[in-house]
Amino acid sequence: MSSVLTVENLSVSFTQDGKEIPAVKGVSFEVGKGETVALVGESGSGKSVTALSTVALLPESAKLAGSVRYEGREMVGADQQTLLDIRGNDISFIFQEPMTSLNPLHTIEKQVSESLALHQGLTGDAAHKRILELLDRVGIRDAESRLKAYPHQLSGGQRQRVMIAMALANGPDLLIADEPTTALDVTIQAQILELLAELKEAEGMSMLFITHDLGIVRRFADRVCVMKNGEIVETGETNAIFDNPQHDYTKRLLAAEPTGRPEPVQQDANEIASCDGLRVWFPITKGFLRRTVDHVRAVNDATLAVRQGETVGIVGESGSGKTTLALALMRLVSSDGPIVFMGRNIQGLKSRQLRGIRRDMQIVFQDPFGSLSPRMTVGEIIAEGLGVHGTNSGESKDALVAEILAEVGLDPSMSHRYPHEFSGGQRQRIAIARAMILRPKLVVLDEPTSALDMTVQVQIVELLRRLQRKHGLAYLFISHDLRVVRALSHKVIVMKQGDIVEAGEGEQVFRDPQSDYTKKLLAAAFNLSAEVSA
């Protein structure tokens, strides 16, 4: 098999504060014609830096050594014209988060047409026709009506399909996909992966696939390169790597999956929060007088209850109403229907009346980097809630911060550092510490593990279990990762387009789903990971 891409002894380092920091150390691998090679490893292992090095997309502070050859042409040190000819034409990229890759100020048609004009000289009607072909090829229904849409008007799956269309626009020989499905729901993830496999087969492309999800790798890759700390520690045929891993790190990656089941809830456990027939509708207004002409029905007739020491998992695709339901239960969005917290109906309470209750209900968000202020130290971030709600007599803020940092597995001496100085897993621990320092009764966990590596996911799941066991916490756990939901949740609620389509004991829902939608979700989640588990 002839090689499309050959990387030999590639090293990349960055200069920061006068110091040279190695990111990639002597990496070598090949991608054959029509072959899919997966680069796997944890965040910071050098996967993305290696991929960006192939077409010199790294910042000026990067220093490269070694060789990267595309069909025999050397890319390290290549002149600008050579790089321009190959980028987006022969080698195309799909990135993890399409919302940050697409220009929010330009329509979908304009963004796809830029690549066609630059590389093929296509404009006007010819470009319009080609764009429609591409959008239809990647499965965007009614493509004509989507041409004038802006990125924010598309769903996550649709935005990723647009990114794939842009990558395919010029018929590349090599497609580099950098975590293309990490931010997507399980059903959309399955669709995107099937689409990539079909397109690769139809177009005869080669693919370099970067991911930390080993379920995807087992199903789609021909060969695997396992990276750790900038080095490839193991490489080989996919089946050989999964069936007989040689390196300890590879074995640890394969074993890293949330396992076990939640401990039983005590029979006499108090009910912490509940709602009955809860409805959240957002008005759609038009005209000069802003008359309400319709509603966005975010949540319809939702009923749930969560007890002390219990976890209720809420699953469903993006836009199904999961987060809106949780926010309504915490009185953070307006809703209709009774909401009972600690035996008290809080639906009609004013903001001032709710303040005393707020310390007993806390939330942990999906992206800790986005929810932690970059201008505050970790100690200030964690103690912020104490400033609002106060401390008990004789308690020191610093002592409480040190105690909770130790409880979530962080060194209290780190309290003077800033969020950017921590890894993703450490930042999520900080976000959990901020919520837990007030000793709440209810914690809403909104996709707390979806942005994390598999090994870090396992650590966070164990931390949440330990905190629940110690403090009798009630969790509302929102996620599209059904493996994590199964490991943590006593009860599961399945939502679709604002409706609860199925609810019951966790194991019952996973073993014997009743609704077609639940069956579809489970198939999408566990078909991808079944081979890994086996």
Protein backbone atom coordinates (compact mmCIF):
# COMPACT_ATOMS: atom_id res chain seq x y z
CA MET A 1 0.00 0.00 0.00
CA SER A 2 1.45 3.38 -1.05
CA SER A 3 1.63 6.07 1.62
CA VAL A 4 -0.26 9.33 1.31
CA LEU A 5 1.31 10.82 4.44
CA THR A 6 4.65 9.83 5.99
CA VAL A 7 5.77 11.31 9.31
CA GLU A 8 9.31 10.53 10.45
CA ASN A 9 10.92 11.51 13.76
CA LEU A 10 8.69 14.59 14.11
CA SER A 11 9.43 16.78 17.11
CA VAL A 12 7.57 19.98 18.03
CA SER A 13 8.37 22.38 20.85
CA PHE A 14 6.98 25.76 21.92
CA THR A 15 8.83 28.70 23.42
CA GLN A 16 7.13 30.14 26.49
CA ASP A 17 8.64 32.60 28.96
CA GLY A 18 12.05 31.94 27.47
CA LYS A 19 11.77 28.18 28.00
CA GLU A 20 11.43 25.53 25.31
CA ILE A 21 8.57 23.11 26.09
CA PRO A 22 8.46 19.87 24.06
CA ALA A 23 4.98 18.89 22.83
CA VAL A 24 5.79 16.12 20.34
CA LYS A 25 8.89 13.93 20.67
CA GLY A 26 10.20 11.88 17.76
CA VAL A 27 6.85 10.71 16.36
CA SER A 28 6.79 8.44 13.27
CA PHE A 29 3.82 6.91 11.42
CA GLU A 30 2.29 6.50 7.96
CA VAL A 31 -1.20 6.83 6.48
CA GLY A 32 -1.69 4.56 3.47
CA LYS A 33 -3.94 5.26 0.49
CA GLY A 34 -7.57 4.55 1.45
CA GLU A 35 -6.55 3.81 5.06
CA THR A 36 -7.90 5.22 8.35
CA VAL A 37 -5.26 5.72 11.04
CA ALA A 38 -6.37 6.79 14.52
CA LEU A 39 -4.26 8.88 16.88
CA VAL A 40 -5.55 8.23 20.40
CA GLY A 41 -4.53 9.50 23.83
CA GLU A 42 -5.50 11.87 26.58
CA SER A 43 -5.66 15.66 26.29
CA GLY A 44 -2.18 17.12 26.11
CA SER A 45 -0.65 13.97 24.62
CA GLY A 46 0.26 15.79 21.38
CA LYS A 47 -2.40 14.39 19.01
CA SER A 48 -3.68 17.70 17.63
CA VAL A 49 -0.23 19.31 17.50
CA THR A 50 0.97 16.36 15.42
CA ALA A 51 -1.96 16.75 13.02
CA LEU A 52 -1.55 20.53 12.66
CA SER A 53 2.16 20.02 11.95
CA THR A 54 1.35 18.13 8.75
CA VAL A 55 0.41 21.34 6.92
CA ALA A 56 2.31 23.87 9.08
CA LEU A 57 -0.72 25.29 10.87
CA LEU A 58 1.12 25.83 14.16
CA PRO A 59 1.88 29.30 15.59
CA GLU A 60 5.22 31.01 15.03
CA SER A 61 6.37 30.06 18.54
CA ALA A 62 6.48 26.40 17.42
CA LYS A 63 9.77 24.79 16.43
CA LEU A 64 9.62 21.72 14.16
CA ALA A 65 12.22 19.06 13.48
CA GLY A 66 11.98 15.83 11.50
CA SER A 67 10.08 15.11 8.31
CA VAL A 68 6.45 15.23 7.12
CA ARG A 69 5.93 14.13 3.50
CA TYR A 70 2.68 14.28 1.57
CA GLU A 71 2.93 12.03 -1.48
CA GLY A 72 6.69 12.48 -1.42
CA ARG A 73 6.64 16.28 -1.02
CA GLU A 74 8.34 17.59 2.11
CA MET A 75 6.03 19.80 4.23
CA VAL A 76 8.44 20.84 7.00
CA GLY A 77 10.05 24.03 5.73
CA ALA A 78 7.95 24.11 2.54
CA ASP A 79 7.35 27.50 0.92
CA GLN A 80 4.05 29.29 1.40
CA GLN A 81 2.75 28.58 -2.12
CA THR A 82 3.25 24.82 -1.71
CA LEU A 83 1.38 24.90 1.60
CA LEU A 84 -1.48 26.94 0.10
CA ASP A 85 -1.80 24.51 -2.80
CA ILE A 86 -2.11 21.53 -0.44
CA ARG A 87 -4.13 22.99 2.44
CA GLY A 88 -7.86 22.56 1.92
CA ASN A 89 -7.21 21.09 -1.51
CA ASP A 90 -5.26 17.84 -1.02
CA ILE A 91 -5.41 17.77 2.80
CA SER A 92 -8.56 18.96 4.58
CA PHE A 93 -9.41 19.34 8.26
CA ILE A 94 -12.55 18.84 10.33
CA PHE A 95 -12.27 20.29 13.82
CA GLN A 96 -13.96 19.38 17.10
CA GLU A 97 -16.18 22.41 17.62
CA PRO A 98 -17.80 23.66 14.40
CA MET A 99 -19.29 26.72 16.12
CA THR A 100 -15.79 28.13 16.66
CA SER A 101 -14.59 27.05 13.18
CA LEU A 102 -17.48 28.65 11.27
CA ASN A 103 -17.71 32.43 10.92
CA PRO A 104 -20.83 33.60 12.82
CA LEU A 105 -21.20 36.63 10.52
CA HIS A 106 -21.36 34.72 7.22
CA THR A 107 -24.04 32.48 5.75
CA ILE A 108 -23.40 28.80 5.09
CA GLU A 109 -23.35 29.45 1.30
CA LYS A 110 -20.70 32.17 1.61
CA GLN A 111 -18.42 30.03 3.78
CA VAL A 112 -18.52 26.96 1.54
CA SER A 113 -18.15 29.12 -1.58
CA GLU A 114 -14.90 30.69 -0.29
CA SER A 115 -13.08 27.36 -0.53
CA LEU A 116 -14.48 26.66 -4.01
CA ALA A 117 -13.45 30.10 -5.28
CA LEU A 118 -9.97 29.89 -3.76
CA HIS A 119 -9.02 26.40 -4.94
CA GLN A 120 -11.18 25.77 -8.01
CA GLY A 121 -12.09 29.23 -9.25
CA LEU A 122 -15.80 28.32 -9.04
CA THR A 123 -18.19 31.28 -8.66
CA GLY A 124 -21.78 32.20 -9.46
CA ASP A 125 -24.21 29.49 -10.61
CA ALA A 126 -21.50 26.82 -10.86
CA ALA A 127 -20.50 27.38 -7.23
CA HIS A 128 -24.17 27.47 -6.14
CA LYS A 129 -24.82 24.13 -7.82
CA ARG A 130 -21.68 22.55 -6.31
CA ILE A 131 -22.63 23.79 -2.79
CA LEU A 132 -26.09 22.22 -3.09
CA GLU A 133 -24.49 18.94 -4.21
CA LEU A 134 -22.12 18.99 -1.23
CA LEU A 135 -24.82 19.79 1.35
CA ASP A 136 -27.05 17.09 -0.08
CA ARG A 137 -24.10 14.67 -0.07
CA VAL A 138 -23.51 15.18 3.67
CA GLY A 139 -27.18 14.65 4.50
CA ILE A 140 -28.53 18.17 5.04
CA ARG A 141 -32.18 17.96 4.06
CA ASP A 142 -33.74 20.74 1.99
CA ALA A 143 -30.29 22.19 1.31
CA GLU A 144 -31.61 25.13 -0.75
CA SER A 145 -33.41 26.57 2.29
CA ARG A 146 -30.25 26.28 4.42
CA LEU A 147 -27.93 28.27 2.16
CA LYS A 148 -28.83 31.63 3.71
CA ALA A 149 -28.74 30.29 7.29
CA TYR A 150 -26.07 31.40 9.77
CA PRO A 151 -24.18 28.87 11.95
CA HIS A 152 -26.21 29.65 15.09
CA GLN A 153 -29.40 28.73 13.21
CA LEU A 154 -28.23 25.14 12.70
CA SER A 155 -28.06 22.29 15.20
CA GLY A 156 -24.71 20.86 16.33
CA GLY A 157 -25.03 17.91 13.96
CA GLN A 158 -25.93 20.15 11.02
CA ARG A 159 -22.97 22.45 11.72
CA GLN A 160 -20.63 19.48 11.73
CA ARG A 161 -22.13 18.30 8.42
CA VAL A 162 -21.40 21.75 6.96
CA MET A 163 -17.80 21.45 8.15
CA ILE A 164 -17.56 18.05 6.43
CA ALA A 165 -19.03 19.56 3.24
CA MET A 166 -16.38 22.31 3.32
CA ALA A 167 -13.64 19.73 3.87
CA LEU A 168 -14.86 17.64 0.92
CA ALA A 169 -15.42 20.60 -1.41
CA ASN A 170 -12.15 20.16 -3.28
CA GLY A 171 -11.94 16.36 -3.27
CA PRO A 172 -9.02 15.92 -0.82
CA ASP A 173 -6.85 12.82 -0.76
CA LEU A 174 -6.40 13.02 3.02
CA LEU A 175 -9.01 14.06 5.56
CA ILE A 176 -7.79 14.91 9.08
CA ALA A 177 -10.67 14.73 11.58
CA ASP A 178 -9.77 16.18 15.00
CA GLU A 179 -12.32 14.96 17.57
CA PRO A 180 -15.19 15.55 15.10
CA THR A 181 -17.91 13.95 17.25
CA THR A 182 -16.90 14.74 20.85
CA ALA A 183 -19.44 17.54 21.32
CA LEU A 184 -22.33 15.67 19.67
CA ASP A 185 -25.20 13.54 20.99
CA VAL A 186 -24.88 9.77 20.62
CA THR A 187 -27.41 9.49 17.78
CA ILE A 188 -25.85 12.41 15.86
CA GLN A 189 -22.40 11.01 16.60
CA ALA A 190 -23.38 7.69 15.04
CA GLN A 191 -24.77 9.46 11.96
CA ILE A 192 -21.62 11.57 11.46
CA LEU A 193 -19.35 8.54 11.81
CA GLU A 194 -21.42 6.53 9.33
CA LEU A 195 -21.32 9.50 6.96
CA LEU A 196 -17.53 9.79 7.22
CA ALA A 197 -17.13 6.06 6.57
CA GLU A 198 -19.40 6.21 3.51
CA LEU A 199 -17.67 9.29 2.09
CA LYS A 200 -14.23 7.80 2.65
CA GLU A 201 -15.27 4.67 0.76
CA ALA A 202 -16.98 6.57 -2.06
CA GLU A 203 -14.23 9.18 -2.53
CA GLY A 204 -11.31 6.80 -1.94
CA MET A 205 -9.89 9.10 0.72
CA SER A 206 -7.37 8.39 3.44
CA MET A 207 -8.19 9.56 6.97
CA LEU A 208 -6.23 10.56 10.06
CA PHE A 209 -8.74 10.34 12.91
CA ILE A 210 -7.92 11.99 16.24
CA THR A 211 -10.01 10.99 19.26
CA HIS A 212 -10.02 9.86 22.88
CA ASP A 213 -13.10 7.66 22.36
CA LEU A 214 -11.89 4.11 21.88
CA GLY A 215 -15.35 2.86 20.88
CA ILE A 216 -15.08 4.93 17.71
CA VAL A 217 -11.53 3.74 17.05
CA ARG A 218 -12.45 0.04 17.27
CA ARG A 219 -15.23 0.47 14.76
CA PHE A 220 -13.67 2.79 12.19
CA ALA A 221 -9.85 2.65 12.22
CA ASP A 222 -7.57 0.28 10.32
CA ARG A 223 -4.54 1.08 12.44
CA VAL A 224 -4.00 2.81 15.79
CA CYS A 225 -1.20 4.97 17.19
CA VAL A 226 -1.39 5.48 20.96
CA MET A 227 0.17 8.74 22.18
CA LYS A 228 1.29 9.71 25.67
CA ASN A 229 3.25 12.82 26.64
CA GLY A 230 4.15 13.61 23.03
CA GLU A 231 5.34 10.11 22.12
CA ILE A 232 3.76 7.16 20.31
CA VAL A 233 4.00 4.38 22.89
CA GLU A 234 2.25 1.71 20.82
CA THR A 235 1.12 1.26 17.23
CA GLY A 236 -0.42 -1.57 15.24
CA GLU A 237 -3.49 -3.02 13.56
CA THR A 238 -6.68 -2.03 15.38
CA ASN A 239 -7.76 -5.55 16.33
CA ALA A 240 -4.28 -6.41 17.57
CA ILE A 241 -4.12 -3.31 19.78
CA PHE A 242 -7.55 -3.96 21.30
CA ASP A 243 -7.19 -7.73 21.68
CA ASN A 244 -3.60 -7.80 22.90
CA PRO A 245 -2.30 -4.39 24.07
CA GLN A 246 1.38 -4.41 25.01
CA HIS A 247 1.98 -1.05 26.70
CA ASP A 248 0.68 -0.38 30.23
CA TYR A 249 -0.74 2.98 29.12
CA THR A 250 -2.74 1.34 26.31
CA LYS A 251 -4.11 -1.19 28.78
CA ARG A 252 -5.11 1.65 31.12
CA LEU A 253 -6.88 3.52 28.29
CA LEU A 254 -8.83 0.41 27.28
CA ALA A 255 -9.89 -0.22 30.88
CA ALA A 256 -10.97 3.40 31.42
CA GLU A 257 -14.75 3.27 31.33
CA PRO A 258 -17.21 4.21 34.08
CA THR A 259 -18.31 0.92 35.63
CA GLY A 260 -20.33 -0.34 38.55
CA ARG A 261 -23.82 0.68 39.61
CA PRO A 262 -25.09 3.23 42.15
CA GLU A 263 -25.53 2.16 45.75
CA PRO A 264 -29.18 1.60 46.82
CA VAL A 265 -31.05 4.58 48.27
CA GLN A 266 -32.38 4.18 51.80
CA GLN A 267 -36.09 3.36 51.93
CA ASP A 268 -36.86 6.27 54.28
CA ALA A 269 -34.76 8.83 52.35
CA ASN A 270 -36.33 12.29 52.32
CA GLU A 271 -37.57 13.75 49.06
CA ILE A 272 -35.36 16.73 48.20
CA ALA A 273 -37.04 18.14 45.09
CA SER A 274 -39.98 17.33 42.83
CA CYS A 275 -42.20 18.80 40.15
CA ASP A 276 -45.58 17.74 38.79
CA GLY A 277 -46.79 18.60 35.30
CA LEU A 278 -44.07 21.25 34.90
CA ARG A 279 -44.22 23.28 31.70
CA VAL A 280 -41.67 25.69 30.21
CA TRP A 281 -42.83 27.56 27.12
CA PHE A 282 -40.90 30.50 25.69
CA PRO A 283 -43.06 33.04 23.81
CA ILE A 284 -42.39 33.91 20.15
CA THR A 285 -43.27 37.57 19.60
CA LYS A 286 -43.72 39.52 16.37
CA GLY A 287 -44.71 42.96 15.19
CA PHE A 288 -44.27 46.43 16.63
CA LEU A 289 -46.28 45.58 19.75
CA ARG A 290 -44.37 42.30 20.23
CA ARG A 291 -47.52 40.21 20.33
CA THR A 292 -47.11 36.55 21.24
CA VAL A 293 -47.88 34.51 18.13
CA ASP A 294 -46.63 31.11 19.26
CA HIS A 295 -44.39 29.37 21.82
CA VAL A 296 -41.20 27.34 21.86
CA ARG A 297 -42.36 24.32 23.86
CA ALA A 298 -39.13 23.55 25.70
CA VAL A 299 -40.67 21.31 28.40
CA ASN A 300 -44.17 19.80 28.40
CA ASP A 301 -45.86 18.22 31.41
CA ALA A 302 -42.71 17.02 33.20
CA THR A 303 -43.01 15.09 36.47
CA LEU A 304 -40.04 13.90 38.51
CA ALA A 305 -38.78 13.51 42.09
CA VAL A 306 -35.30 13.05 43.55
CA ARG A 307 -34.52 11.84 47.08
CA GLN A 308 -31.57 12.26 49.42
CA GLY A 309 -28.65 10.17 48.20
CA GLU A 310 -30.34 9.50 44.86
CA THR A 311 -29.26 10.29 41.29
CA VAL A 312 -31.84 10.90 38.58
CA GLY A 313 -30.30 10.79 35.11
CA ILE A 314 -31.87 12.94 32.39
CA VAL A 315 -30.93 11.88 28.87
CA GLY A 316 -31.87 12.93 25.34
CA GLU A 317 -30.49 14.73 22.32
CA SER A 318 -29.59 18.43 22.23
CA GLY A 319 -32.73 20.56 22.30
CA SER A 320 -34.79 17.88 24.07
CA GLY A 321 -35.30 20.07 27.16
CA LYS A 322 -32.93 18.35 29.61
CA THR A 323 -31.12 21.46 30.86
CA THR A 324 -34.27 23.61 30.72
CA LEU A 325 -36.09 21.16 32.99
CA ALA A 326 -33.25 21.25 35.54
CA LEU A 327 -33.03 25.05 35.43
CA ALA A 328 -36.79 25.30 35.94
CA LEU A 329 -36.59 22.99 38.95
CA MET A 330 -33.99 25.38 40.42
CA ARG A 331 -36.22 28.38 39.57
CA LEU A 332 -33.63 29.79 37.18
CA VAL A 333 -36.12 29.97 34.28
CA SER A 334 -39.84 30.74 34.42
CA SER A 335 -42.21 27.78 34.41
CA ASP A 336 -45.76 26.70 35.20
CA GLY A 337 -46.62 23.94 37.67
CA PRO A 338 -45.71 23.20 41.29
CA ILE A 339 -42.04 22.85 42.29
CA VAL A 340 -41.44 21.45 45.75
CA PHE A 341 -38.02 21.79 47.39
CA MET A 342 -37.40 20.41 50.86
CA GLY A 343 -41.14 20.11 51.44
CA ARG A 344 -41.93 23.69 50.38
CA ASN A 345 -43.60 24.85 47.16
CA ILE A 346 -41.13 27.41 45.78
CA GLN A 347 -42.91 28.16 42.50
CA GLY A 348 -44.39 31.49 43.57
CA LEU A 349 -41.48 32.79 45.66
CA LYS A 350 -39.80 36.10 44.82
CA SER A 351 -36.04 36.36 44.22
CA ARG A 352 -35.41 37.66 47.74
CA GLN A 353 -37.35 34.76 49.25
CA LEU A 354 -35.36 32.29 47.14
CA ARG A 355 -31.96 33.58 48.29
CA GLY A 356 -31.95 31.51 51.48
CA ILE A 357 -32.76 28.39 49.46
CA ARG A 358 -30.09 28.96 46.81
CA ARG A 359 -27.23 27.63 48.91
CA ASP A 360 -29.02 24.27 49.08
CA MET A 361 -29.21 23.92 45.27
CA GLN A 362 -26.06 24.17 43.18
CA ILE A 363 -25.06 23.45 39.59
CA VAL A 364 -21.91 22.16 37.83
CA PHE A 365 -21.65 23.03 34.14
CA GLN A 366 -20.25 21.13 31.14
CA ASP A 367 -17.31 23.38 30.35
CA PRO A 368 -15.38 24.33 33.50
CA PHE A 369 -13.07 26.64 31.56
CA GLY A 370 -16.09 28.66 30.44
CA SER A 371 -17.73 28.74 33.87
CA LEU A 372 -14.62 29.69 35.91
CA SER A 373 -13.54 33.33 35.85
CA PRO A 374 -10.03 33.62 34.36
CA ARG A 375 -9.37 36.74 36.49
CA MET A 376 -9.98 35.06 39.83
CA THR A 377 -7.77 32.61 41.70
CA VAL A 378 -9.14 29.15 42.44
CA GLY A 379 -9.51 30.07 46.11
CA GLU A 380 -11.55 33.19 45.22
CA ILE A 381 -13.75 31.21 42.81
CA ILE A 382 -14.55 28.50 45.36
CA ALA A 383 -15.15 31.00 48.18
CA GLU A 384 -17.44 33.24 46.09
CA GLY A 385 -20.59 31.46 47.29
CA LEU A 386 -19.53 31.92 50.92
CA GLY A 387 -19.37 35.67 50.29
CA VAL A 388 -22.99 35.61 49.14
CA HIS A 389 -24.44 33.21 51.70
CA GLY A 390 -22.02 33.67 54.61
CA THR A 391 -20.29 31.18 56.87
CA ASN A 392 -21.17 29.68 60.21
CA SER A 393 -19.80 31.37 63.31
CA GLY A 394 -16.12 30.65 63.86
CA GLU A 395 -15.53 29.21 60.38
CA SER A 396 -12.73 30.61 58.25
CA LYS A 397 -13.19 30.95 54.48
CA ASP A 398 -9.61 29.90 53.82
CA ALA A 399 -9.99 26.81 56.00
CA LEU A 400 -13.24 25.84 54.26
CA VAL A 401 -11.63 26.29 50.84
CA ALA A 402 -8.64 24.16 51.86
CA GLU A 403 -10.98 21.48 53.23
CA ILE A 404 -13.12 21.24 50.09
CA LEU A 405 -10.06 21.26 47.78
CA ALA A 406 -8.67 18.29 49.67
CA GLU A 407 -12.08 16.60 49.50
CA VAL A 408 -12.20 16.82 45.69
CA GLY A 409 -8.64 15.53 45.38
CA LEU A 410 -6.68 18.75 44.85
CA ASP A 411 -3.75 20.15 46.82
CA PRO A 412 -4.99 23.09 48.98
CA SER A 413 -1.72 24.91 48.20
CA MET A 414 -3.03 25.33 44.63
CA SER A 415 -5.71 27.80 45.78
CA HIS A 416 -3.61 30.81 44.64
CA ARG A 417 -3.37 29.59 41.04
CA TYR A 418 -5.63 30.57 38.13
CA PRO A 419 -7.93 28.26 36.09
CA HIS A 420 -5.69 28.23 32.99
CA GLU A 421 -2.94 26.59 35.06
CA PHE A 422 -5.00 23.41 35.51
CA SER A 423 -5.93 20.49 33.27
CA GLY A 424 -9.54 19.87 32.15
CA GLY A 425 -10.10 17.26 34.85
CA GLN A 426 -8.66 19.51 37.55
CA ARG A 427 -10.85 22.42 36.42
CA GLN A 428 -13.92 20.21 36.69
CA ARG A 429 -12.87 19.29 40.24
CA ILE A 430 -12.65 23.02 41.00
CA ALA A 431 -16.17 23.55 39.62
CA ILE A 432 -17.42 20.68 41.81
CA ALA A 433 -15.63 22.17 44.84
CA ARG A 434 -17.33 25.53 44.20
CA ALA A 435 -20.73 23.82 44.28
CA MET A 436 -19.97 21.58 47.28
CA ILE A 437 -18.49 24.20 49.63
CA LEU A 438 -22.00 25.40 50.52
CA ARG A 439 -23.00 21.84 51.49
CA PRO A 440 -26.06 21.78 49.19
CA LYS A 441 -28.88 19.26 49.29
CA LEU A 442 -29.37 19.16 45.48
CA VAL A 443 -26.68 19.37 42.80
CA VAL A 444 -27.48 19.64 39.09
CA LEU A 445 -24.66 18.14 37.02
CA ASP A 446 -25.03 19.40 33.43
CA GLU A 447 -22.83 17.24 31.16
CA PRO A 448 -19.96 17.33 33.71
CA THR A 449 -17.89 14.62 31.97
CA SER A 450 -18.58 15.06 28.24
CA ALA A 451 -15.55 17.30 27.58
CA LEU A 452 -13.16 15.01 29.48
CA ASP A 453 -10.91 12.10 28.50
CA MET A 454 -12.09 8.60 29.36
CA THR A 455 -9.53 8.16 32.16
CA VAL A 456 -10.51 11.52 33.69
CA GLN A 457 -14.21 10.65 33.31
CA VAL A 458 -13.69 7.59 35.50
CA GLN A 459 -12.02 9.74 38.16
CA ILE A 460 -14.83 12.33 38.16
CA VAL A 461 -17.52 9.62 38.37
CA GLU A 462 -15.76 8.09 41.38
CA LEU A 463 -15.45 11.54 42.99
CA LEU A 464 -19.18 12.22 42.53
CA ARG A 465 -20.04 8.82 44.02
CA ARG A 466 -17.82 9.45 47.03
CA LEU A 467 -19.28 12.91 47.68
CA GLN A 468 -22.83 11.59 47.36
CA ARG A 469 -22.11 8.75 49.76
CA LYS A 470 -20.49 11.08 52.32
CA HIS A 471 -23.02 13.92 52.24
CA GLY A 472 -26.24 12.23 51.10
CA LEU A 473 -26.46 14.49 48.04
CA ALA A 474 -29.32 14.37 45.54
CA TYR A 475 -28.08 14.63 41.93
CA LEU A 476 -29.84 15.56 38.72
CA PHE A 477 -27.37 14.19 36.19
CA ILE A 478 -27.80 15.52 32.64
CA SER A 479 -25.81 13.74 29.95
CA HIS A 480 -25.85 12.22 26.48
CA ASP A 481 -23.15 9.71 27.53
CA LEU A 482 -25.31 6.75 28.50
CA ARG A 483 -22.39 4.75 29.88
CA VAL A 484 -21.81 7.39 32.56
CA VAL A 485 -25.55 7.70 33.21
CA ARG A 486 -25.82 3.95 33.73
CA ALA A 487 -22.91 3.94 36.20
CA LEU A 488 -24.33 6.79 38.31
CA SER A 489 -28.13 6.90 38.05
CA HIS A 490 -30.74 5.20 40.22
CA LYS A 491 -33.54 6.45 37.97
CA VAL A 492 -33.50 7.59 34.35
CA ILE A 493 -35.72 10.03 32.47
CA VAL A 494 -35.60 10.08 28.65
CA MET A 495 -36.62 13.33 26.95
CA LYS A 496 -37.46 14.09 23.34
CA GLN A 497 -38.58 17.50 22.04
CA GLY A 498 -39.70 18.66 25.49
CA ASP A 499 -41.60 15.48 26.41
CA ILE A 500 -40.64 12.73 28.84
CA VAL A 501 -41.02 9.66 26.65
CA GLU A 502 -39.79 7.14 29.22
CA ALA A 503 -38.98 7.11 32.94
CA GLY A 504 -38.13 4.37 35.41
CA GLU A 505 -35.46 2.61 37.45
CA GLY A 506 -32.07 2.93 35.74
CA GLU A 507 -31.35 -0.74 35.16
CA GLN A 508 -34.90 -1.37 33.97
CA VAL A 509 -34.67 1.37 31.35
CA PHE A 510 -31.29 0.11 30.12
CA ARG A 511 -32.27 -3.59 30.09
CA ASP A 512 -35.81 -3.31 28.77
CA PRO A 513 -36.49 0.06 27.10
CA GLN A 514 -40.13 0.59 26.17
CA SER A 515 -40.15 3.55 23.76
CA ASP A 516 -38.68 3.38 20.25
CA TYR A 517 -36.73 6.56 20.92
CA THR A 518 -35.02 5.06 24.00
CA LYS A 519 -34.13 1.97 21.98
CA LYS A 520 -32.62 4.22 19.30
CA LEU A 521 -30.55 6.11 21.89
CA LEU A 522 -29.26 2.91 23.48
CA ALA A 523 -28.41 1.40 20.09
CA ALA A 524 -26.47 4.52 19.09
CA ALA A 525 -24.55 4.61 22.40
CA PHE A 526 -23.77 0.96 23.02
CA ASN A 527 -23.29 -0.28 19.47
CA LEU A 528 -20.33 2.08 19.26
CA SER A 529 -18.84 0.78 22.52
CA ALA A 530 -19.97 -2.85 22.59
CA GLU A 531 -16.83 -4.13 20.88
CA VAL A 532 -14.60 -2.25 23.32
CA SER A 533 -16.47 -3.67 26.32
CA ALA A 534 -16.19 -7.14 24.83
